[in-house]
Amino acid sequence: MKDYLGYTGKVCVVTGAASGMGKATAEMLVDLGAMVYALDWAEVKVEGITAYLHTDLSKKESIDAAFAQIPDHIDCYFGIAGVSGLGTDFLTTTKIDLISNKYISECILTARMTEGGAIAYMTSTAGIGWEQEGNKRHYLPVVEAEGWDGAVTALEKTPLIHLPGNLGYSFSKLAMNYLVAKQQALFAARKIRVNAVLPGSTDTGLKGDFLKLTGSEERLLAFTGHAHRLAASEEMAMPIVFQCSDMASYLSGDLMVVDYGSSLEVEAGIRPNAMVFTFDMILEKMAAMHK
């Protein structure tokens, strides 16, 4: 039988592989014959991976140490790790959810990927609205900064830095969706594809955090369209595995929304938008409160 997905023998790096979508992705890649290097803070217990590399994605030094143990040539990178921000501050959340991916892709993968390589990020439907100026003006200085230190310095200068960590999650997902567009010139021009999956509400290890943040499972279900259930982690892993596969050889710059049609109905005006805000609006409210 023809290997349509084409992962046999490929070197694949997966962040956040200890649980949820990252673990499901690592398991699928192992089954498809890939050499999987799994990065996470927690131990990755996936049978058949090539290596588990203990990594703190909020620290450049830890990332560098992990990639020093990975072969020079990397075929596919899956940036899946993330935190909700419930237990981390805005800076730490953004380092893990945004700056680590930006640093890895722009400062490491540029030298270690060649034509035919593929990059895919797991962002979020919380990042819909990334193109609005009321959001772009805040994340662009971070996205356009050079290197790890440049991005962190740019973030520390924003008026958002003292916001709660969960807003760092939203900020990061908005910026990550823009990053996919920005990186087309950097990677797609070299025949290295860059895409992202934007999951709707999913039953992962972060479900408890999002229940606390939204207040109820009913509110989580509001972002599941006509499925009327949370997605399984595997249902987000399958699309991202497809994005980096040979079957998607002409797919680049795709922000694949996987929420069973919920966002499409909002865009069409069929369903009300339950997440209407920009960071401009948040700052305006904060300023009004302090008058």
C-alpha atoms as a PDB file:
ATOM      1  CA  MET A   1       0.000   0.000   0.000  1.00  0.00           C
ATOM      2  CA  LYS A   2       1.305   3.472  -0.899  1.00  0.00           C
ATOM      3  CA  ASP A   3       2.490   5.623   2.010  1.00  0.00           C
ATOM      4  CA  TYR A   4       0.330   8.639   1.171  1.00  0.00           C
ATOM      5  CA  LEU A   5       1.173  10.610   4.321  1.00  0.00           C
ATOM      6  CA  GLY A   6       4.898  10.092   3.853  1.00  0.00           C
ATOM      7  CA  TYR A   7       6.131  10.124   7.448  1.00  0.00           C
ATOM      8  CA  THR A   8       8.251   6.971   7.309  1.00  0.00           C
ATOM      9  CA  GLY A   9      11.736   7.753   8.616  1.00  0.00           C
ATOM     10  CA  LYS A  10      11.108  11.494   8.970  1.00  0.00           C
ATOM     11  CA  VAL A  11      12.475  13.422  11.946  1.00  0.00           C
ATOM     12  CA  CYS A  12       9.526  15.052  13.690  1.00  0.00           C
ATOM     13  CA  VAL A  13       9.648  17.342  16.733  1.00  0.00           C
ATOM     14  CA  VAL A  14       6.503  17.599  18.850  1.00  0.00           C
ATOM     15  CA  THR A  15       6.162  20.026  21.761  1.00  0.00           C
ATOM     16  CA  GLY A  16       3.601  19.378  24.481  1.00  0.00           C
ATOM     17  CA  ALA A  17       3.713  15.641  23.796  1.00  0.00           C
ATOM     18  CA  ALA A  18       3.026  14.533  27.376  1.00  0.00           C
ATOM     19  CA  SER A  19      -0.746  14.927  27.164  1.00  0.00           C
ATOM     20  CA  GLY A  20      -3.740  15.991  25.125  1.00  0.00           C
ATOM     21  CA  MET A  21      -3.326  17.016  21.495  1.00  0.00           C
ATOM     22  CA  GLY A  22       0.459  16.776  21.612  1.00  0.00           C
ATOM     23  CA  LYS A  23       0.405  13.224  22.938  1.00  0.00           C
ATOM     24  CA  ALA A  24      -2.198  12.179  20.374  1.00  0.00           C
ATOM     25  CA  THR A  25      -0.033  13.706  17.628  1.00  0.00           C
ATOM     26  CA  ALA A  26       3.090  11.912  18.842  1.00  0.00           C
ATOM     27  CA  GLU A  27       1.228   8.588  18.968  1.00  0.00           C
ATOM     28  CA  MET A  28      -0.021   8.994  15.396  1.00  0.00           C
ATOM     29  CA  LEU A  29       3.416   9.944  14.099  1.00  0.00           C
ATOM     30  CA  VAL A  30       4.981   6.880  15.743  1.00  0.00           C
ATOM     31  CA  ASP A  31       2.314   4.689  14.127  1.00  0.00           C
ATOM     32  CA  LEU A  32       3.124   6.317  10.760  1.00  0.00           C
ATOM     33  CA  GLY A  33       6.812   5.428  11.064  1.00  0.00           C
ATOM     34  CA  ALA A  34       8.285   8.795  12.052  1.00  0.00           C
ATOM     35  CA  MET A  35      11.232   9.378  14.374  1.00  0.00           C
ATOM     36  CA  VAL A  36       9.568  11.437  17.094  1.00  0.00           C
ATOM     37  CA  TYR A  37      11.457  13.765  19.416  1.00  0.00           C
ATOM     38  CA  ALA A  38       8.999  14.718  22.158  1.00  0.00           C
ATOM     39  CA  LEU A  39       9.530  17.931  24.143  1.00  0.00           C
ATOM     40  CA  ASP A  40       7.629  18.669  27.332  1.00  0.00           C
ATOM     41  CA  TRP A  41       8.087  19.644  30.965  1.00  0.00           C
ATOM     42  CA  ALA A  42       6.255  16.491  32.066  1.00  0.00           C
ATOM     43  CA  GLU A  43       7.541  13.052  31.102  1.00  0.00           C
ATOM     44  CA  VAL A  44       6.263  11.858  27.734  1.00  0.00           C
ATOM     45  CA  LYS A  45       4.995   8.295  28.017  1.00  0.00           C
ATOM     46  CA  VAL A  46       4.384   7.403  24.380  1.00  0.00           C
ATOM     47  CA  GLU A  47       5.693   4.014  23.329  1.00  0.00           C
ATOM     48  CA  GLY A  48       7.950   4.118  20.290  1.00  0.00           C
ATOM     49  CA  ILE A  49       9.159   7.718  20.399  1.00  0.00           C
ATOM     50  CA  THR A  50      12.825   8.217  19.575  1.00  0.00           C
ATOM     51  CA  ALA A  51      13.485  10.452  22.585  1.00  0.00           C
ATOM     52  CA  TYR A  52      11.788  12.398  25.349  1.00  0.00           C
ATOM     53  CA  LEU A  53      13.535  15.696  26.035  1.00  0.00           C
ATOM     54  CA  HIS A  54      12.635  17.434  29.293  1.00  0.00           C
ATOM     55  CA  THR A  55      12.106  21.059  28.251  1.00  0.00           C
ATOM     56  CA  ASP A  56      10.994  24.288  29.894  1.00  0.00           C
ATOM     57  CA  LEU A  57       9.569  26.253  26.974  1.00  0.00           C
ATOM     58  CA  SER A  58       9.633  29.473  28.995  1.00  0.00           C
ATOM     59  CA  LYS A  59      13.452  29.376  28.966  1.00  0.00           C
ATOM     60  CA  LYS A  60      15.668  29.812  25.885  1.00  0.00           C
ATOM     61  CA  GLU A  61      18.499  27.820  27.467  1.00  0.00           C
ATOM     62  CA  SER A  62      16.243  24.790  27.992  1.00  0.00           C
ATOM     63  CA  ILE A  63      15.012  24.935  24.396  1.00  0.00           C
ATOM     64  CA  ASP A  64      18.584  25.172  23.086  1.00  0.00           C
ATOM     65  CA  ALA A  65      19.631  22.179  25.218  1.00  0.00           C
ATOM     66  CA  ALA A  66      16.743  20.095  23.874  1.00  0.00           C
ATOM     67  CA  PHE A  67      17.466  20.879  20.219  1.00  0.00           C
ATOM     68  CA  ALA A  68      21.153  20.058  20.758  1.00  0.00           C
ATOM     69  CA  GLN A  69      19.991  16.457  21.210  1.00  0.00           C
ATOM     70  CA  ILE A  70      17.961  16.359  17.986  1.00  0.00           C
ATOM     71  CA  PRO A  71      19.493  15.520  14.565  1.00  0.00           C
ATOM     72  CA  ASP A  72      20.673  18.512  12.553  1.00  0.00           C
ATOM     73  CA  HIS A  73      18.112  17.895   9.818  1.00  0.00           C
ATOM     74  CA  ILE A  74      14.494  18.221  10.947  1.00  0.00           C
ATOM     75  CA  ASP A  75      11.635  17.328   8.595  1.00  0.00           C
ATOM     76  CA  CYS A  76       8.577  18.441  10.567  1.00  0.00           C
ATOM     77  CA  TYR A  77       7.907  20.625  13.574  1.00  0.00           C
ATOM     78  CA  PHE A  78       4.639  20.486  15.519  1.00  0.00           C
ATOM     79  CA  GLY A  79       4.312  23.409  17.951  1.00  0.00           C
ATOM     80  CA  ILE A  80       1.513  22.124  20.173  1.00  0.00           C
ATOM     81  CA  ALA A  81       2.564  22.915  23.758  1.00  0.00           C
ATOM     82  CA  GLY A  82       0.615  25.573  25.592  1.00  0.00           C
ATOM     83  CA  VAL A  83      -0.703  26.729  28.944  1.00  0.00           C
ATOM     84  CA  SER A  84      -4.055  28.350  29.709  1.00  0.00           C
ATOM     85  CA  GLY A  85      -2.558  31.159  31.786  1.00  0.00           C
ATOM     86  CA  LEU A  86      -4.604  30.208  34.835  1.00  0.00           C
ATOM     87  CA  GLY A  87      -1.490  29.247  36.788  1.00  0.00           C
ATOM     88  CA  THR A  88       1.055  31.473  35.040  1.00  0.00           C
ATOM     89  CA  ASP A  89       1.464  35.232  34.620  1.00  0.00           C
ATOM     90  CA  PHE A  90       1.099  37.090  31.304  1.00  0.00           C
ATOM     91  CA  LEU A  91       4.833  37.032  30.568  1.00  0.00           C
ATOM     92  CA  THR A  92       5.364  33.337  31.277  1.00  0.00           C
ATOM     93  CA  THR A  93       2.204  32.331  29.414  1.00  0.00           C
ATOM     94  CA  THR A  94       3.282  34.269  26.341  1.00  0.00           C
ATOM     95  CA  LYS A  95       6.813  32.873  26.456  1.00  0.00           C
ATOM     96  CA  ILE A  96       5.432  29.320  26.364  1.00  0.00           C
ATOM     97  CA  ASP A  97       2.535  29.837  23.949  1.00  0.00           C
ATOM     98  CA  LEU A  98       4.101  32.320  21.507  1.00  0.00           C
ATOM     99  CA  ILE A  99       7.746  33.244  21.949  1.00  0.00           C
ATOM    100  CA  SER A 100       9.005  29.638  22.148  1.00  0.00           C
ATOM    101  CA  ASN A 101       7.403  28.807  18.786  1.00  0.00           C
ATOM    102  CA  LYS A 102       8.681  32.018  17.208  1.00  0.00           C
ATOM    103  CA  TYR A 103      12.197  31.390  18.514  1.00  0.00           C
ATOM    104  CA  ILE A 104      12.297  27.722  17.517  1.00  0.00           C
ATOM    105  CA  SER A 105      11.056  28.370  13.992  1.00  0.00           C
ATOM    106  CA  GLU A 106      12.950  31.565  13.194  1.00  0.00           C
ATOM    107  CA  CYS A 107      16.208  30.927  15.063  1.00  0.00           C
ATOM    108  CA  ILE A 108      16.568  27.133  14.901  1.00  0.00           C
ATOM    109  CA  LEU A 109      14.474  25.639  12.101  1.00  0.00           C
ATOM    110  CA  THR A 110      15.675  28.157   9.510  1.00  0.00           C
ATOM    111  CA  ALA A 111      19.083  26.454   9.680  1.00  0.00           C
ATOM    112  CA  ARG A 112      17.839  22.880  10.091  1.00  0.00           C
ATOM    113  CA  MET A 113      14.998  22.515   7.592  1.00  0.00           C
ATOM    114  CA  THR A 114      15.235  22.188   3.828  1.00  0.00           C
ATOM    115  CA  GLU A 115      12.820  22.045   0.896  1.00  0.00           C
ATOM    116  CA  GLY A 116       9.944  19.672   1.633  1.00  0.00           C
ATOM    117  CA  GLY A 117       9.914  20.429   5.364  1.00  0.00           C
ATOM    118  CA  ALA A 118       6.748  21.425   7.184  1.00  0.00           C
ATOM    119  CA  ILE A 119       5.791  23.399  10.273  1.00  0.00           C
ATOM    120  CA  ALA A 120       2.392  23.334  11.974  1.00  0.00           C
ATOM    121  CA  TYR A 121       1.203  25.126  15.089  1.00  0.00           C
ATOM    122  CA  MET A 122      -1.746  24.312  17.324  1.00  0.00           C
ATOM    123  CA  THR A 123      -3.258  27.727  17.966  1.00  0.00           C
ATOM    124  CA  SER A 124      -6.930  28.269  18.903  1.00  0.00           C
ATOM    125  CA  THR A 125     -10.251  29.708  17.852  1.00  0.00           C
ATOM    126  CA  ALA A 126      -9.492  32.135  20.695  1.00  0.00           C
ATOM    127  CA  GLY A 127      -7.106  33.649  18.136  1.00  0.00           C
ATOM    128  CA  ILE A 128      -9.859  34.520  15.672  1.00  0.00           C
ATOM    129  CA  GLY A 129      -9.795  38.285  15.238  1.00  0.00           C
ATOM    130  CA  TRP A 130      -6.012  38.303  14.808  1.00  0.00           C
ATOM    131  CA  GLU A 131      -6.377  40.603  11.786  1.00  0.00           C
ATOM    132  CA  GLN A 132      -8.165  43.379  13.714  1.00  0.00           C
ATOM    133  CA  GLU A 133      -6.086  46.513  14.230  1.00  0.00           C
ATOM    134  CA  GLY A 134      -7.206  46.670  17.879  1.00  0.00           C
ATOM    135  CA  ASN A 135      -5.237  43.453  18.401  1.00  0.00           C
ATOM    136  CA  LYS A 136      -2.446  43.759  15.840  1.00  0.00           C
ATOM    137  CA  ARG A 137      -1.038  46.984  17.249  1.00  0.00           C
ATOM    138  CA  HIS A 138      -0.311  45.148  20.522  1.00  0.00           C
ATOM    139  CA  TYR A 139       1.225  41.899  19.310  1.00  0.00           C
ATOM    140  CA  LEU A 140       3.127  43.165  16.235  1.00  0.00           C
ATOM    141  CA  PRO A 141       6.106  44.548  18.215  1.00  0.00           C
ATOM    142  CA  VAL A 142       6.596  41.098  19.763  1.00  0.00           C
ATOM    143  CA  VAL A 143       6.138  39.166  16.512  1.00  0.00           C
ATOM    144  CA  GLU A 144       8.463  41.480  14.595  1.00  0.00           C
ATOM    145  CA  ALA A 145      11.218  41.529  17.235  1.00  0.00           C
ATOM    146  CA  GLU A 146      14.428  39.609  16.573  1.00  0.00           C
ATOM    147  CA  GLY A 147      15.423  36.603  18.648  1.00  0.00           C
ATOM    148  CA  TRP A 148      14.309  35.462  22.079  1.00  0.00           C
ATOM    149  CA  ASP A 149      15.598  38.472  23.991  1.00  0.00           C
ATOM    150  CA  GLY A 150      14.142  40.916  21.475  1.00  0.00           C
ATOM    151  CA  ALA A 151      10.682  39.345  21.737  1.00  0.00           C
ATOM    152  CA  VAL A 152      10.749  39.263  25.538  1.00  0.00           C
ATOM    153  CA  THR A 153      11.905  42.893  25.718  1.00  0.00           C
ATOM    154  CA  ALA A 154       9.149  43.962  23.309  1.00  0.00           C
ATOM    155  CA  LEU A 155       6.573  42.107  25.392  1.00  0.00           C
ATOM    156  CA  GLU A 156       7.769  43.679  28.649  1.00  0.00           C
ATOM    157  CA  LYS A 157       7.269  47.123  27.103  1.00  0.00           C
ATOM    158  CA  THR A 158       3.613  46.543  26.209  1.00  0.00           C
ATOM    159  CA  PRO A 159       0.835  47.987  28.417  1.00  0.00           C
ATOM    160  CA  LEU A 160      -0.588  44.459  28.565  1.00  0.00           C
ATOM    161  CA  ILE A 161       2.176  42.905  30.646  1.00  0.00           C
ATOM    162  CA  HIS A 162       0.287  43.259  33.954  1.00  0.00           C
ATOM    163  CA  LEU A 163      -2.900  41.639  32.653  1.00  0.00           C
ATOM    164  CA  PRO A 164      -3.904  38.181  33.971  1.00  0.00           C
ATOM    165  CA  GLY A 165      -2.193  35.139  32.502  1.00  0.00           C
ATOM    166  CA  ASN A 166      -5.319  33.868  30.760  1.00  0.00           C
ATOM    167  CA  LEU A 167      -5.276  37.023  28.602  1.00  0.00           C
ATOM    168  CA  GLY A 168      -1.694  36.093  27.745  1.00  0.00           C
ATOM    169  CA  TYR A 169      -3.210  32.929  26.262  1.00  0.00           C
ATOM    170  CA  SER A 170      -5.561  34.962  24.041  1.00  0.00           C
ATOM    171  CA  PHE A 171      -2.763  37.373  23.108  1.00  0.00           C
ATOM    172  CA  SER A 172      -0.506  34.477  22.123  1.00  0.00           C
ATOM    173  CA  LYS A 173      -3.106  32.749  19.964  1.00  0.00           C
ATOM    174  CA  LEU A 174      -3.894  35.987  18.100  1.00  0.00           C
ATOM    175  CA  ALA A 175      -0.195  36.538  17.485  1.00  0.00           C
ATOM    176  CA  MET A 176       0.433  32.929  16.463  1.00  0.00           C
ATOM    177  CA  ASN A 177      -2.224  33.139  13.757  1.00  0.00           C
ATOM    178  CA  TYR A 178      -0.547  36.265  12.393  1.00  0.00           C
ATOM    179  CA  LEU A 179       2.832  34.535  12.653  1.00  0.00           C
ATOM    180  CA  VAL A 180       1.657  31.875  10.185  1.00  0.00           C
ATOM    181  CA  ALA A 181       1.044  34.631   7.629  1.00  0.00           C
ATOM    182  CA  LYS A 182       4.335  36.382   8.396  1.00  0.00           C
ATOM    183  CA  GLN A 183       6.371  33.206   8.072  1.00  0.00           C
ATOM    184  CA  GLN A 184       5.219  32.468   4.528  1.00  0.00           C
ATOM    185  CA  ALA A 185       7.942  34.762   3.176  1.00  0.00           C
ATOM    186  CA  LEU A 186      10.514  33.165   5.475  1.00  0.00           C
ATOM    187  CA  PHE A 187       9.639  29.504   4.927  1.00  0.00           C
ATOM    188  CA  ALA A 188       7.150  28.946   2.104  1.00  0.00           C
ATOM    189  CA  ALA A 189       9.467  30.841  -0.253  1.00  0.00           C
ATOM    190  CA  ARG A 190      12.002  28.089   0.525  1.00  0.00           C
ATOM    191  CA  LYS A 191       9.376  25.371  -0.106  1.00  0.00           C
ATOM    192  CA  ILE A 192       8.916  24.748   3.630  1.00  0.00           C
ATOM    193  CA  ARG A 193       5.208  24.868   4.437  1.00  0.00           C
ATOM    194  CA  VAL A 194       3.732  26.644   7.486  1.00  0.00           C
ATOM    195  CA  ASN A 195       0.161  26.071   8.705  1.00  0.00           C
ATOM    196  CA  ALA A 196      -1.915  26.006  11.881  1.00  0.00           C
ATOM    197  CA  VAL A 197      -4.910  24.240  13.354  1.00  0.00           C
ATOM    198  CA  LEU A 198      -7.346  26.400  15.339  1.00  0.00           C
ATOM    199  CA  PRO A 199      -9.171  24.029  17.698  1.00  0.00           C
ATOM    200  CA  GLY A 200     -12.571  24.696  19.167  1.00  0.00           C
ATOM    201  CA  SER A 201     -13.365  23.458  22.689  1.00  0.00           C
ATOM    202  CA  THR A 202     -11.488  20.185  23.237  1.00  0.00           C
ATOM    203  CA  ASP A 203     -11.308  17.657  26.060  1.00  0.00           C
ATOM    204  CA  THR A 204      -7.625  17.902  27.021  1.00  0.00           C
ATOM    205  CA  GLY A 205      -5.629  18.265  30.223  1.00  0.00           C
ATOM    206  CA  LEU A 206      -6.467  21.979  30.136  1.00  0.00           C
ATOM    207  CA  LYS A 207     -10.216  21.360  30.239  1.00  0.00           C
ATOM    208  CA  GLY A 208     -10.331  22.001  33.999  1.00  0.00           C
ATOM    209  CA  ASP A 209      -8.608  25.364  33.550  1.00  0.00           C
ATOM    210  CA  PHE A 210     -11.019  26.450  30.850  1.00  0.00           C
ATOM    211  CA  LEU A 211     -13.983  25.333  32.937  1.00  0.00           C
ATOM    212  CA  LYS A 212     -12.778  27.658  35.710  1.00  0.00           C
ATOM    213  CA  LEU A 213     -12.202  30.490  33.254  1.00  0.00           C
ATOM    214  CA  THR A 214     -15.549  30.178  31.453  1.00  0.00           C
ATOM    215  CA  GLY A 215     -17.602  29.156  34.483  1.00  0.00           C
ATOM    216  CA  SER A 216     -19.358  26.110  33.087  1.00  0.00           C
ATOM    217  CA  GLU A 217     -19.155  23.281  30.574  1.00  0.00           C
ATOM    218  CA  GLU A 218     -22.218  24.784  28.886  1.00  0.00           C
ATOM    219  CA  ARG A 219     -20.126  27.809  27.907  1.00  0.00           C
ATOM    220  CA  LEU A 220     -17.405  25.547  26.542  1.00  0.00           C
ATOM    221  CA  LEU A 221     -20.009  23.709  24.487  1.00  0.00           C
ATOM    222  CA  ALA A 222     -21.056  27.037  22.951  1.00  0.00           C
ATOM    223  CA  PHE A 223     -17.924  26.801  20.790  1.00  0.00           C
ATOM    224  CA  THR A 224     -18.583  23.295  19.441  1.00  0.00           C
ATOM    225  CA  GLY A 225     -21.116  24.078  16.721  1.00  0.00           C
ATOM    226  CA  HIS A 226     -23.630  21.373  15.944  1.00  0.00           C
ATOM    227  CA  ALA A 227     -21.418  18.658  17.425  1.00  0.00           C
ATOM    228  CA  HIS A 228     -22.757  19.620  20.890  1.00  0.00           C
ATOM    229  CA  ARG A 229     -19.761  17.918  22.516  1.00  0.00           C
ATOM    230  CA  LEU A 230     -16.147  18.660  23.220  1.00  0.00           C
ATOM    231  CA  ALA A 231     -13.725  17.374  20.616  1.00  0.00           C
ATOM    232  CA  ALA A 232     -11.349  14.563  21.511  1.00  0.00           C
ATOM    233  CA  SER A 233      -7.622  15.328  21.399  1.00  0.00           C
ATOM    234  CA  GLU A 234      -7.259  12.892  18.508  1.00  0.00           C
ATOM    235  CA  GLU A 235      -9.710  14.969  16.477  1.00  0.00           C
ATOM    236  CA  MET A 236      -7.265  17.882  16.584  1.00  0.00           C
ATOM    237  CA  ALA A 237      -4.168  15.696  16.143  1.00  0.00           C
ATOM    238  CA  MET A 238      -5.445  14.250  12.866  1.00  0.00           C
ATOM    239  CA  PRO A 239      -5.746  17.621  11.076  1.00  0.00           C
ATOM    240  CA  ILE A 240      -2.313  18.803  12.214  1.00  0.00           C
ATOM    241  CA  VAL A 241      -0.714  15.513  11.153  1.00  0.00           C
ATOM    242  CA  PHE A 242      -2.388  15.980   7.767  1.00  0.00           C
ATOM    243  CA  GLN A 243      -1.045  19.546   7.439  1.00  0.00           C
ATOM    244  CA  CYS A 244       2.576  18.396   7.644  1.00  0.00           C
ATOM    245  CA  SER A 245       2.042  15.281   5.519  1.00  0.00           C
ATOM    246  CA  ASP A 246       2.855  14.687   1.854  1.00  0.00           C
ATOM    247  CA  MET A 247      -0.883  14.718   1.153  1.00  0.00           C
ATOM    248  CA  ALA A 248      -0.874  18.451   1.937  1.00  0.00           C
ATOM    249  CA  SER A 249       2.092  19.273  -0.312  1.00  0.00           C
ATOM    250  CA  TYR A 250       0.427  22.431  -1.733  1.00  0.00           C
ATOM    251  CA  LEU A 251      -1.017  23.585   1.582  1.00  0.00           C
ATOM    252  CA  SER A 252       0.706  26.535   3.202  1.00  0.00           C
ATOM    253  CA  GLY A 253      -0.650  29.560   5.042  1.00  0.00           C
ATOM    254  CA  ASP A 254      -3.726  27.625   6.130  1.00  0.00           C
ATOM    255  CA  LEU A 255      -5.457  28.542   9.390  1.00  0.00           C
ATOM    256  CA  MET A 256      -7.614  25.430   9.659  1.00  0.00           C
ATOM    257  CA  VAL A 257     -10.538  26.110  12.004  1.00  0.00           C
ATOM    258  CA  VAL A 258     -11.671  22.842  13.563  1.00  0.00           C
ATOM    259  CA  ASP A 259     -14.794  23.613  15.596  1.00  0.00           C
ATOM    260  CA  TYR A 260     -17.589  21.812  13.750  1.00  0.00           C
ATOM    261  CA  GLY A 261     -18.729  24.948  11.946  1.00  0.00           C
ATOM    262  CA  SER A 262     -19.210  27.174  14.997  1.00  0.00           C
ATOM    263  CA  SER A 263     -16.934  30.006  13.824  1.00  0.00           C
ATOM    264  CA  LEU A 264     -18.286  29.873  10.287  1.00  0.00           C
ATOM    265  CA  GLU A 265     -21.815  30.446  11.549  1.00  0.00           C
ATOM    266  CA  VAL A 266     -20.597  33.407  13.609  1.00  0.00           C
ATOM    267  CA  GLU A 267     -18.832  34.882  10.563  1.00  0.00           C
ATOM    268  CA  ALA A 268     -21.988  34.418   8.489  1.00  0.00           C
ATOM    269  CA  GLY A 269     -24.119  36.138  11.138  1.00  0.00           C
ATOM    270  CA  ILE A 270     -26.119  32.980  11.788  1.00  0.00           C
ATOM    271  CA  ARG A 271     -24.837  32.502  15.338  1.00  0.00           C
ATOM    272  CA  PRO A 272     -24.090  35.338  17.821  1.00  0.00           C
ATOM    273  CA  ASN A 273     -20.449  36.030  18.630  1.00  0.00           C
ATOM    274  CA  ALA A 274     -19.746  35.096  22.250  1.00  0.00           C
ATOM    275  CA  MET A 275     -16.157  36.453  22.177  1.00  0.00           C
ATOM    276  CA  VAL A 276     -16.346  40.057  20.965  1.00  0.00           C
ATOM    277  CA  PHE A 277     -13.297  41.925  22.276  1.00  0.00           C
ATOM    278  CA  THR A 278      -9.974  43.383  21.254  1.00  0.00           C
ATOM    279  CA  PHE A 279      -7.047  44.355  23.441  1.00  0.00           C
ATOM    280  CA  ASP A 280      -7.835  47.979  22.623  1.00  0.00           C
ATOM    281  CA  MET A 281     -11.228  47.450  24.264  1.00  0.00           C
ATOM    282  CA  ILE A 282      -9.647  45.860  27.342  1.00  0.00           C
ATOM    283  CA  LEU A 283      -7.230  48.754  27.807  1.00  0.00           C
ATOM    284  CA  GLU A 284     -10.029  51.288  27.345  1.00  0.00           C
ATOM    285  CA  LYS A 285     -12.061  49.581  30.076  1.00  0.00           C
ATOM    286  CA  MET A 286      -9.078  49.527  32.400  1.00  0.00           C
ATOM    287  CA  ALA A 287      -8.455  53.243  31.800  1.00  0.00           C
ATOM    288  CA  ALA A 288     -12.107  54.036  32.501  1.00  0.00           C
ATOM    289  CA  MET A 289     -11.965  52.095  35.779  1.00  0.00           C
ATOM    290  CA  HIS A 290      -9.010  54.135  36.985  1.00  0.00           C
ATOM    291  CA  LYS A 291     -10.499  57.551  36.225  1.00  0.00           C
END
